[in-house]
N, C-alpha and C. Protein backbone atom coordinates (compact mmCIF):
# COMPACT_ATOMS: atom_id res chain seq x y z
N MET A 1 114.33 113.29 103.23
CA MET A 1 115.11 112.97 104.41
C MET A 1 116.25 112.04 104.01
N ARG A 2 117.42 112.35 104.48
CA ARG A 2 118.59 111.55 104.18
C ARG A 2 118.41 110.13 104.70
N GLY A 3 118.88 109.19 103.91
CA GLY A 3 118.84 107.81 104.34
C GLY A 3 117.61 107.05 103.90
N MET A 4 116.55 107.75 103.54
CA MET A 4 115.36 107.04 103.06
C MET A 4 115.66 106.47 101.68
N ARG A 5 115.13 105.31 101.43
CA ARG A 5 115.37 104.69 100.13
C ARG A 5 114.11 104.74 99.28
N SER A 6 114.31 104.54 97.99
CA SER A 6 113.17 104.51 97.09
C SER A 6 112.62 103.09 97.02
N LEU A 7 111.44 102.96 96.45
CA LEU A 7 110.79 101.66 96.29
C LEU A 7 111.01 101.15 94.87
N THR A 8 111.13 99.85 94.74
CA THR A 8 111.22 99.23 93.43
C THR A 8 109.81 99.07 92.87
N GLU A 9 109.71 98.75 91.59
CA GLU A 9 108.39 98.52 90.97
C GLU A 9 107.65 97.39 91.69
N ALA A 10 108.36 96.32 92.02
CA ALA A 10 107.72 95.19 92.71
C ALA A 10 107.22 95.61 94.10
N GLU A 11 107.99 96.44 94.80
CA GLU A 11 107.58 96.90 96.12
C GLU A 11 106.36 97.82 96.03
N ILE A 12 106.31 98.64 94.99
CA ILE A 12 105.15 99.51 94.79
C ILE A 12 103.89 98.65 94.64
N GLU A 13 103.99 97.59 93.86
CA GLU A 13 102.84 96.69 93.68
C GLU A 13 102.46 96.01 94.98
N GLN A 14 103.45 95.62 95.80
CA GLN A 14 103.17 95.01 97.10
C GLN A 14 102.40 95.99 97.99
N VAL A 15 102.86 97.24 98.01
CA VAL A 15 102.21 98.26 98.83
C VAL A 15 100.77 98.47 98.37
N LYS A 16 100.55 98.53 97.07
CA LYS A 16 99.20 98.77 96.54
C LYS A 16 98.20 97.72 96.99
N ARG A 17 98.67 96.52 97.29
CA ARG A 17 97.77 95.44 97.73
C ARG A 17 97.45 95.53 99.23
N CYS A 18 98.07 96.47 99.93
CA CYS A 18 97.92 96.54 101.39
C CYS A 18 97.02 97.67 101.88
N PHE A 19 96.34 98.35 100.98
CA PHE A 19 95.44 99.42 101.40
C PHE A 19 94.11 98.80 101.79
N LEU A 20 93.87 98.72 103.09
CA LEU A 20 92.66 98.09 103.61
C LEU A 20 92.05 98.98 104.69
N GLY A 21 90.82 98.75 105.01
CA GLY A 21 90.19 99.43 106.12
C GLY A 21 89.48 100.71 105.71
N ALA A 22 89.03 101.43 106.73
CA ALA A 22 88.20 102.62 106.55
C ALA A 22 88.92 103.72 105.78
N PHE A 23 90.23 103.78 105.89
CA PHE A 23 90.98 104.87 105.25
C PHE A 23 91.81 104.39 104.07
N ALA A 24 91.42 103.27 103.48
CA ALA A 24 92.17 102.73 102.35
C ALA A 24 92.22 103.72 101.19
N ALA A 25 91.12 104.39 100.89
CA ALA A 25 91.08 105.34 99.77
C ALA A 25 91.99 106.53 100.06
N ARG A 26 91.97 107.02 101.30
CA ARG A 26 92.85 108.14 101.67
C ARG A 26 94.31 107.75 101.56
N ASP A 27 94.64 106.60 102.14
CA ASP A 27 96.02 106.14 102.15
C ASP A 27 96.54 105.90 100.74
N ARG A 28 95.71 105.29 99.90
CA ARG A 28 96.09 105.05 98.51
C ARG A 28 96.30 106.38 97.78
N ALA A 29 95.43 107.35 98.02
CA ALA A 29 95.56 108.66 97.36
C ALA A 29 96.86 109.34 97.76
N LEU A 30 97.19 109.31 99.04
CA LEU A 30 98.43 109.93 99.51
C LEU A 30 99.65 109.23 98.90
N PHE A 31 99.67 107.92 98.95
CA PHE A 31 100.79 107.14 98.42
C PHE A 31 100.94 107.38 96.91
N THR A 32 99.85 107.28 96.19
CA THR A 32 99.90 107.42 94.73
C THR A 32 100.30 108.83 94.32
N LEU A 33 99.75 109.83 94.99
CA LEU A 33 100.13 111.21 94.68
C LEU A 33 101.62 111.43 94.95
N GLY A 34 102.13 110.84 96.02
CA GLY A 34 103.55 110.98 96.34
C GLY A 34 104.47 110.38 95.30
N ILE A 35 104.17 109.16 94.86
CA ILE A 35 105.08 108.52 93.89
C ILE A 35 104.88 109.00 92.46
N LYS A 36 103.75 109.65 92.20
CA LYS A 36 103.45 110.10 90.84
C LYS A 36 103.65 111.61 90.62
N SER A 37 103.87 112.37 91.70
CA SER A 37 104.03 113.82 91.55
C SER A 37 105.40 114.32 91.99
N GLY A 38 106.02 113.65 92.95
CA GLY A 38 107.30 114.11 93.48
C GLY A 38 107.17 115.23 94.49
N PHE A 39 105.96 115.56 94.90
CA PHE A 39 105.80 116.58 95.93
C PHE A 39 106.33 116.06 97.26
N ARG A 40 106.86 116.95 98.08
CA ARG A 40 107.27 116.61 99.44
C ARG A 40 106.00 116.35 100.25
N ILE A 41 106.13 115.64 101.36
CA ILE A 41 104.95 115.30 102.16
C ILE A 41 104.26 116.56 102.66
N SER A 42 105.01 117.58 103.04
CA SER A 42 104.38 118.82 103.52
C SER A 42 103.59 119.49 102.40
N GLU A 43 104.05 119.38 101.17
CA GLU A 43 103.36 119.96 100.03
C GLU A 43 102.05 119.19 99.75
N ILE A 44 102.13 117.88 99.84
CA ILE A 44 100.93 117.04 99.64
C ILE A 44 99.89 117.36 100.70
N LEU A 45 100.33 117.46 101.95
CA LEU A 45 99.39 117.69 103.05
C LEU A 45 98.79 119.09 103.00
N SER A 46 99.42 120.01 102.29
CA SER A 46 98.89 121.38 102.20
C SER A 46 97.73 121.50 101.21
N LEU A 47 97.51 120.47 100.40
CA LEU A 47 96.50 120.55 99.35
C LEU A 47 95.07 120.49 99.90
N LYS A 48 94.23 121.36 99.33
CA LYS A 48 92.80 121.37 99.65
C LYS A 48 92.04 120.91 98.42
N LEU A 49 90.79 120.54 98.60
CA LEU A 49 89.97 120.09 97.46
C LEU A 49 89.94 121.14 96.36
N GLY A 50 89.87 122.41 96.72
CA GLY A 50 89.86 123.48 95.73
C GLY A 50 91.14 123.58 94.92
N ASP A 51 92.23 123.03 95.44
CA ASP A 51 93.51 123.04 94.71
C ASP A 51 93.55 122.01 93.59
N VAL A 52 92.73 120.98 93.69
CA VAL A 52 92.77 119.91 92.69
C VAL A 52 91.50 119.82 91.85
N PHE A 53 90.43 120.48 92.29
CA PHE A 53 89.17 120.44 91.54
C PHE A 53 88.90 121.76 90.86
N ASP A 54 88.32 121.68 89.68
CA ASP A 54 87.84 122.85 88.96
C ASP A 54 86.53 122.47 88.28
N ASN A 55 85.46 123.13 88.67
CA ASN A 55 84.12 122.83 88.13
C ASN A 55 83.75 121.35 88.28
N GLY A 56 84.05 120.79 89.44
CA GLY A 56 83.63 119.43 89.73
C GLY A 56 84.51 118.32 89.18
N LYS A 57 85.59 118.66 88.47
CA LYS A 57 86.47 117.60 87.99
C LYS A 57 87.92 117.90 88.36
N ILE A 58 88.68 116.84 88.49
CA ILE A 58 90.08 116.99 88.89
C ILE A 58 90.87 117.65 87.76
N GLN A 59 91.69 118.61 88.13
CA GLN A 59 92.50 119.34 87.17
C GLN A 59 93.61 118.44 86.61
N ASP A 60 94.15 118.84 85.48
CA ASP A 60 95.25 118.10 84.87
C ASP A 60 96.58 118.42 85.54
N ARG A 61 96.65 119.56 86.19
CA ARG A 61 97.87 119.99 86.88
C ARG A 61 97.53 120.44 88.29
N ILE A 62 98.45 120.18 89.20
CA ILE A 62 98.29 120.65 90.58
C ILE A 62 99.36 121.70 90.83
N TYR A 63 98.92 122.80 91.42
CA TYR A 63 99.84 123.87 91.79
C TYR A 63 99.91 123.96 93.30
N VAL A 64 101.13 123.89 93.84
CA VAL A 64 101.33 124.09 95.27
C VAL A 64 101.89 125.49 95.44
N ARG A 65 101.18 126.28 96.24
CA ARG A 65 101.57 127.67 96.43
C ARG A 65 102.92 127.81 97.14
N ARG A 66 103.57 128.90 96.86
CA ARG A 66 104.90 129.19 97.39
C ARG A 66 104.98 129.03 98.90
N LYS A 67 103.95 129.46 99.62
CA LYS A 67 104.02 129.41 101.08
C LYS A 67 104.11 127.98 101.61
N HIS A 68 103.77 126.98 100.79
CA HIS A 68 103.83 125.59 101.23
C HIS A 68 105.08 124.86 100.72
N MET A 69 105.93 125.56 99.98
CA MET A 69 107.11 124.95 99.38
C MET A 69 108.32 125.10 100.29
N LYS A 70 109.22 124.14 100.22
CA LYS A 70 110.47 124.23 100.95
C LYS A 70 111.24 125.44 100.41
N GLY A 71 111.74 126.27 101.29
CA GLY A 71 112.47 127.46 100.89
C GLY A 71 111.57 128.63 100.56
N ARG A 72 110.34 128.35 100.20
CA ARG A 72 109.32 129.36 99.91
C ARG A 72 109.75 130.39 98.89
N ASN A 73 110.57 129.97 97.92
CA ASN A 73 111.00 130.89 96.87
C ASN A 73 109.98 131.01 95.76
N GLU A 74 109.36 129.90 95.40
CA GLU A 74 108.36 129.91 94.35
C GLU A 74 107.49 128.67 94.47
N GLY A 75 106.28 128.75 93.92
CA GLY A 75 105.39 127.60 93.91
C GLY A 75 105.82 126.64 92.80
N ARG A 76 105.10 125.51 92.73
CA ARG A 76 105.44 124.52 91.71
C ARG A 76 104.18 123.88 91.18
N CYS A 77 104.14 123.73 89.87
CA CYS A 77 103.01 123.13 89.19
C CYS A 77 103.46 121.80 88.57
N VAL A 78 102.70 120.75 88.83
CA VAL A 78 103.06 119.42 88.34
C VAL A 78 101.84 118.81 87.65
N VAL A 79 102.09 118.20 86.49
CA VAL A 79 101.03 117.50 85.78
C VAL A 79 100.59 116.31 86.64
N LEU A 80 99.31 116.04 86.65
CA LEU A 80 98.77 114.98 87.50
C LEU A 80 98.62 113.70 86.69
N HIS A 81 99.31 112.66 87.10
CA HIS A 81 99.28 111.35 86.46
C HIS A 81 97.86 110.77 86.56
N PRO A 82 97.39 110.06 85.53
CA PRO A 82 96.03 109.48 85.56
C PRO A 82 95.77 108.58 86.77
N GLU A 83 96.77 107.82 87.18
CA GLU A 83 96.59 106.95 88.35
C GLU A 83 96.39 107.78 89.62
N ALA A 84 97.13 108.87 89.74
CA ALA A 84 96.96 109.77 90.89
C ALA A 84 95.59 110.44 90.83
N LYS A 85 95.17 110.83 89.64
CA LYS A 85 93.85 111.44 89.47
C LYS A 85 92.76 110.50 89.96
N ALA A 86 92.84 109.25 89.54
CA ALA A 86 91.83 108.26 89.92
C ALA A 86 91.81 108.05 91.43
N SER A 87 92.97 107.97 92.05
CA SER A 87 93.04 107.77 93.50
C SER A 87 92.48 108.96 94.25
N ILE A 88 92.83 110.16 93.80
CA ILE A 88 92.33 111.37 94.45
C ILE A 88 90.81 111.47 94.26
N GLN A 89 90.34 111.15 93.07
CA GLN A 89 88.90 111.21 92.79
C GLN A 89 88.13 110.29 93.72
N LEU A 90 88.62 109.08 93.90
CA LEU A 90 87.96 108.11 94.77
C LEU A 90 87.87 108.63 96.20
N TRP A 91 88.97 109.19 96.71
CA TRP A 91 88.99 109.71 98.07
C TRP A 91 88.15 110.99 98.17
N ALA A 92 88.27 111.87 97.18
CA ALA A 92 87.51 113.12 97.20
C ALA A 92 86.01 112.87 97.17
N ASP A 93 85.58 111.87 96.42
CA ASP A 93 84.15 111.52 96.38
C ASP A 93 83.64 111.20 97.78
N LYS A 94 84.45 110.50 98.56
CA LYS A 94 84.06 110.17 99.94
C LYS A 94 84.01 111.42 100.81
N LEU A 95 85.01 112.30 100.62
CA LEU A 95 85.02 113.54 101.40
C LEU A 95 83.81 114.41 101.08
N ILE A 96 83.52 114.55 99.79
CA ILE A 96 82.40 115.39 99.36
C ILE A 96 81.07 114.81 99.84
N ALA A 97 80.95 113.49 99.82
CA ALA A 97 79.73 112.83 100.32
C ALA A 97 79.52 113.12 101.80
N ASN A 98 80.61 113.42 102.51
CA ASN A 98 80.53 113.74 103.94
C ASN A 98 80.54 115.25 104.20
N GLY A 99 80.26 116.05 103.16
CA GLY A 99 80.11 117.49 103.36
C GLY A 99 81.35 118.34 103.17
N ALA A 100 82.41 117.80 102.62
CA ALA A 100 83.63 118.58 102.41
C ALA A 100 83.39 119.67 101.38
N THR A 101 84.11 120.77 101.54
CA THR A 101 84.02 121.90 100.61
C THR A 101 85.38 122.11 99.94
N SER A 102 85.47 123.09 99.08
CA SER A 102 86.74 123.37 98.39
C SER A 102 87.83 123.80 99.36
N ASP A 103 87.44 124.23 100.56
CA ASP A 103 88.43 124.66 101.56
C ASP A 103 88.86 123.51 102.48
N THR A 104 88.35 122.32 102.26
CA THR A 104 88.70 121.16 103.08
C THR A 104 90.01 120.56 102.60
N TYR A 105 90.89 120.26 103.54
CA TYR A 105 92.15 119.60 103.19
C TYR A 105 91.86 118.20 102.66
N ILE A 106 92.58 117.81 101.63
CA ILE A 106 92.38 116.48 101.05
C ILE A 106 92.71 115.40 102.08
N PHE A 107 93.77 115.64 102.83
CA PHE A 107 94.18 114.67 103.85
C PHE A 107 93.89 115.28 105.23
N LYS A 108 92.60 115.49 105.47
CA LYS A 108 92.10 116.17 106.66
C LYS A 108 92.27 115.31 107.90
N SER A 109 92.63 115.98 108.98
CA SER A 109 92.72 115.33 110.28
C SER A 109 91.33 115.01 110.79
N ARG A 110 91.22 114.01 111.63
CA ARG A 110 89.93 113.63 112.20
C ARG A 110 89.64 114.37 113.51
N ASN A 111 90.48 115.32 113.89
CA ASN A 111 90.32 115.97 115.19
C ASN A 111 89.21 117.00 115.26
N GLY A 112 88.43 117.16 114.19
CA GLY A 112 87.29 118.06 114.22
C GLY A 112 87.58 119.45 113.67
N THR A 113 88.83 119.79 113.47
CA THR A 113 89.16 121.08 112.87
C THR A 113 89.56 120.85 111.42
N ASN A 114 89.55 121.91 110.64
CA ASN A 114 89.95 121.78 109.24
C ASN A 114 91.46 121.98 109.14
N LYS A 115 92.18 120.97 109.57
CA LYS A 115 93.64 120.94 109.45
C LYS A 115 94.01 119.62 108.82
N PRO A 116 95.16 119.59 108.12
CA PRO A 116 95.58 118.32 107.53
C PRO A 116 96.17 117.40 108.60
N ILE A 117 96.27 116.12 108.26
CA ILE A 117 97.01 115.23 109.15
C ILE A 117 98.44 115.76 109.23
N THR A 118 99.16 115.39 110.24
CA THR A 118 100.53 115.86 110.39
C THR A 118 101.48 114.97 109.59
N ARG A 119 102.70 115.45 109.42
CA ARG A 119 103.72 114.64 108.74
C ARG A 119 103.98 113.37 109.53
N VAL A 120 103.91 113.45 110.86
CA VAL A 120 104.12 112.27 111.70
C VAL A 120 103.01 111.26 111.48
N GLN A 121 101.76 111.74 111.38
CA GLN A 121 100.65 110.82 111.11
C GLN A 121 100.80 110.17 109.74
N ALA A 122 101.25 110.93 108.75
CA ALA A 122 101.47 110.37 107.41
C ALA A 122 102.58 109.33 107.47
N TRP A 123 103.64 109.62 108.22
CA TRP A 123 104.76 108.67 108.36
C TRP A 123 104.27 107.38 109.02
N LYS A 124 103.49 107.50 110.09
CA LYS A 124 102.98 106.31 110.79
C LYS A 124 102.11 105.47 109.86
N MET A 125 101.25 106.13 109.09
CA MET A 125 100.37 105.43 108.17
C MET A 125 101.20 104.68 107.12
N LEU A 126 102.17 105.36 106.54
CA LEU A 126 102.99 104.72 105.50
C LEU A 126 103.85 103.60 106.06
N THR A 127 104.46 103.80 107.21
CA THR A 127 105.32 102.73 107.76
C THR A 127 104.48 101.50 108.14
N ARG A 128 103.25 101.72 108.57
CA ARG A 128 102.35 100.59 108.85
C ARG A 128 102.06 99.82 107.56
N ILE A 129 101.82 100.52 106.48
CA ILE A 129 101.54 99.88 105.19
C ILE A 129 102.79 99.19 104.64
N TYR A 130 103.95 99.83 104.78
CA TYR A 130 105.20 99.20 104.33
C TYR A 130 105.41 97.89 105.08
N ALA A 131 105.16 97.90 106.39
CA ALA A 131 105.33 96.68 107.19
C ALA A 131 104.33 95.61 106.75
N ALA A 132 103.09 96.00 106.49
CA ALA A 132 102.07 95.05 106.04
C ALA A 132 102.46 94.44 104.69
N ALA A 133 103.20 95.20 103.89
CA ALA A 133 103.65 94.71 102.58
C ALA A 133 104.92 93.86 102.71
N GLY A 134 105.45 93.76 103.92
CA GLY A 134 106.65 92.97 104.15
C GLY A 134 107.94 93.67 103.75
N LEU A 135 107.90 94.99 103.64
CA LEU A 135 109.09 95.73 103.22
C LEU A 135 109.93 96.10 104.43
N THR A 136 111.23 96.13 104.22
CA THR A 136 112.16 96.49 105.28
C THR A 136 113.11 97.57 104.78
N GLY A 137 113.89 98.09 105.69
CA GLY A 137 114.85 99.12 105.32
C GLY A 137 114.35 100.50 105.71
N SER A 138 115.08 101.51 105.29
CA SER A 138 114.76 102.89 105.63
C SER A 138 113.65 103.41 104.71
N LEU A 139 112.44 103.27 105.16
CA LEU A 139 111.28 103.72 104.38
C LEU A 139 110.44 104.67 105.21
N GLY A 140 109.96 105.71 104.58
CA GLY A 140 109.12 106.69 105.26
C GLY A 140 108.41 107.54 104.23
N THR A 141 107.99 108.72 104.64
CA THR A 141 107.28 109.60 103.73
C THR A 141 108.18 110.06 102.58
N HIS A 142 109.44 110.28 102.87
CA HIS A 142 110.34 110.78 101.83
C HIS A 142 110.67 109.71 100.79
N SER A 143 110.37 108.46 101.09
CA SER A 143 110.56 107.39 100.12
C SER A 143 109.68 107.62 98.89
N LEU A 144 108.54 108.27 99.08
CA LEU A 144 107.65 108.56 97.95
C LEU A 144 108.36 109.48 96.95
N ARG A 145 108.96 110.54 97.46
CA ARG A 145 109.66 111.51 96.60
C ARG A 145 110.90 110.88 95.97
N LYS A 146 111.61 110.06 96.73
CA LYS A 146 112.79 109.39 96.17
C LYS A 146 112.39 108.40 95.09
N THR A 147 111.28 107.72 95.28
CA THR A 147 110.78 106.79 94.27
C THR A 147 110.45 107.55 92.99
N PHE A 148 109.77 108.67 93.14
CA PHE A 148 109.46 109.52 91.98
C PHE A 148 110.75 109.94 91.29
N ALA A 149 111.75 110.38 92.05
CA ALA A 149 113.01 110.84 91.48
C ALA A 149 113.67 109.74 90.65
N ASP A 150 113.77 108.55 91.19
CA ASP A 150 114.38 107.43 90.46
C ASP A 150 113.62 107.11 89.18
N ARG A 151 112.30 107.09 89.27
CA ARG A 151 111.48 106.71 88.12
C ARG A 151 111.53 107.77 87.02
N VAL A 152 111.44 109.04 87.40
CA VAL A 152 111.46 110.10 86.39
C VAL A 152 112.85 110.22 85.76
N TYR A 153 113.89 110.00 86.55
CA TYR A 153 115.26 110.01 86.04
C TYR A 153 115.44 108.93 84.96
N ASP A 154 114.92 107.74 85.22
CA ASP A 154 114.98 106.66 84.23
C ASP A 154 114.17 107.01 82.98
N LYS A 155 112.95 107.53 83.17
CA LYS A 155 112.07 107.86 82.04
C LYS A 155 112.64 109.00 81.19
N LEU A 156 113.44 109.86 81.79
CA LEU A 156 114.04 110.98 81.08
C LEU A 156 115.41 110.63 80.48
N GLY A 157 115.71 109.34 80.45
CA GLY A 157 116.97 108.91 79.85
C GLY A 157 118.19 109.36 80.62
N HIS A 158 118.06 109.43 81.94
CA HIS A 158 119.13 109.83 82.84
C HIS A 158 119.60 111.26 82.61
N ASP A 159 118.67 112.12 82.26
CA ASP A 159 118.95 113.54 82.06
C ASP A 159 118.80 114.25 83.41
N LEU A 160 119.93 114.67 83.97
CA LEU A 160 119.91 115.30 85.30
C LEU A 160 119.19 116.65 85.30
N LEU A 161 119.36 117.43 84.26
CA LEU A 161 118.73 118.75 84.24
C LEU A 161 117.21 118.66 84.20
N LYS A 162 116.69 117.74 83.39
CA LYS A 162 115.24 117.57 83.34
C LYS A 162 114.72 116.97 84.65
N THR A 163 115.49 116.08 85.25
CA THR A 163 115.10 115.51 86.54
C THR A 163 115.09 116.59 87.61
N GLN A 164 116.08 117.46 87.57
CA GLN A 164 116.13 118.59 88.50
C GLN A 164 114.86 119.43 88.37
N ARG A 165 114.46 119.67 87.16
CA ARG A 165 113.24 120.46 86.89
C ARG A 165 112.00 119.73 87.44
N ALA A 166 111.93 118.42 87.21
CA ALA A 166 110.78 117.64 87.68
C ALA A 166 110.66 117.65 89.20
N LEU A 167 111.80 117.68 89.88
CA LEU A 167 111.80 117.69 91.34
C LEU A 167 111.68 119.09 91.93
N GLY A 168 111.85 120.11 91.09
CA GLY A 168 111.78 121.47 91.58
C GLY A 168 112.99 121.90 92.39
N HIS A 169 114.13 121.27 92.13
CA HIS A 169 115.36 121.64 92.84
C HIS A 169 116.00 122.87 92.22
N ARG A 170 116.58 123.70 93.04
CA ARG A 170 117.32 124.86 92.54
C ARG A 170 118.76 124.47 92.23
N ASP A 171 119.28 123.49 92.94
CA ASP A 171 120.69 123.10 92.81
C ASP A 171 120.76 121.65 92.31
N ILE A 172 121.55 121.43 91.29
CA ILE A 172 121.70 120.09 90.70
C ILE A 172 122.26 119.09 91.72
N LYS A 173 123.03 119.58 92.70
CA LYS A 173 123.60 118.69 93.73
C LYS A 173 122.48 118.03 94.54
N SER A 174 121.39 118.75 94.75
CA SER A 174 120.25 118.18 95.47
C SER A 174 119.66 117.03 94.67
N THR A 175 119.58 117.21 93.36
CA THR A 175 119.02 116.18 92.49
C THR A 175 119.88 114.93 92.52
N VAL A 176 121.18 115.11 92.43
CA VAL A 176 122.11 113.97 92.45
C VAL A 176 121.99 113.21 93.75
N SER A 177 121.81 113.92 94.87
CA SER A 177 121.72 113.24 96.17
C SER A 177 120.45 112.40 96.29
N TYR A 178 119.43 112.70 95.50
CA TYR A 178 118.18 111.94 95.54
C TYR A 178 118.28 110.60 94.82
N LEU A 179 119.10 110.55 93.82
CA LEU A 179 119.10 109.39 92.93
C LEU A 179 119.86 108.23 93.54
N ALA A 180 119.28 107.06 93.46
CA ALA A 180 119.88 105.85 94.01
C ALA A 180 120.70 105.17 92.93
N PHE A 181 121.99 105.39 92.99
CA PHE A 181 122.86 104.72 92.02
C PHE A 181 123.19 103.34 92.58
N LYS A 182 122.86 102.35 91.80
CA LYS A 182 123.01 100.98 92.26
C LYS A 182 124.42 100.47 91.97
N GLN A 183 125.03 99.84 92.95
CA GLN A 183 126.40 99.35 92.81
C GLN A 183 126.50 98.36 91.66
N GLU A 184 125.47 97.54 91.46
CA GLU A 184 125.53 96.57 90.36
C GLU A 184 125.57 97.26 89.00
N ASP A 185 124.94 98.43 88.88
CA ASP A 185 125.02 99.19 87.63
C ASP A 185 126.44 99.69 87.38
N VAL A 186 127.08 100.15 88.45
CA VAL A 186 128.46 100.62 88.35
C VAL A 186 129.37 99.44 88.01
N ASP A 187 129.17 98.30 88.68
CA ASP A 187 129.99 97.11 88.41
C ASP A 187 129.82 96.65 86.97
N ASP A 188 128.57 96.61 86.48
CA ASP A 188 128.31 96.20 85.09
C ASP A 188 129.00 97.12 84.10
N ALA A 189 128.96 98.41 84.37
CA ALA A 189 129.61 99.38 83.47
C ALA A 189 131.11 99.15 83.42
N ILE A 190 131.70 98.94 84.57
CA ILE A 190 133.16 98.71 84.64
C ILE A 190 133.52 97.44 83.90
N LEU A 191 132.75 96.37 84.11
CA LEU A 191 133.04 95.10 83.46
C LEU A 191 132.79 95.13 81.95
N SER A 192 131.96 96.06 81.48
CA SER A 192 131.68 96.11 80.06
C SER A 192 132.67 96.97 79.27
N ILE A 193 133.59 97.60 79.94
CA ILE A 193 134.58 98.46 79.27
C ILE A 193 135.55 97.60 78.45
């Protein structure tokens, strides 16, 4: 979503300290998967236990089927970061202890049907946690994907093509629009000439 900003490393740590209550494991899993995979919120919410588990253990890669992808042109497979694996495992253990099956959504709604929480519910949960962490500004579900974009862009040595691939964008212009170019970086570059 346009206008959403990414989180800094310090803000990520602040958020991690604010997962409390009955759904702390779920909320942490959603947040961690978002910042570590770059999936859109709709893609995250489409995941079922069977999509991430194989023979009782979490897979190394997560595949989101084409029907759940923006544009629905093709699916996308992303390697699962160890921190995301651990968060999902913790939440999945609770789901399985309560009778969840491979067809159960990881971020299941509490309304009694096997449907995921909505994007609005995910947004409300995240904005509540951002507020508890004392964060301000334009933050929402898409901040997770933007945070991933900024971090992977830095880790890839500012390689736009590889970042485009990591985000699953078809057009490089989409990738550029995700990245938060900081004015102080531009100022420093100009002053160093």
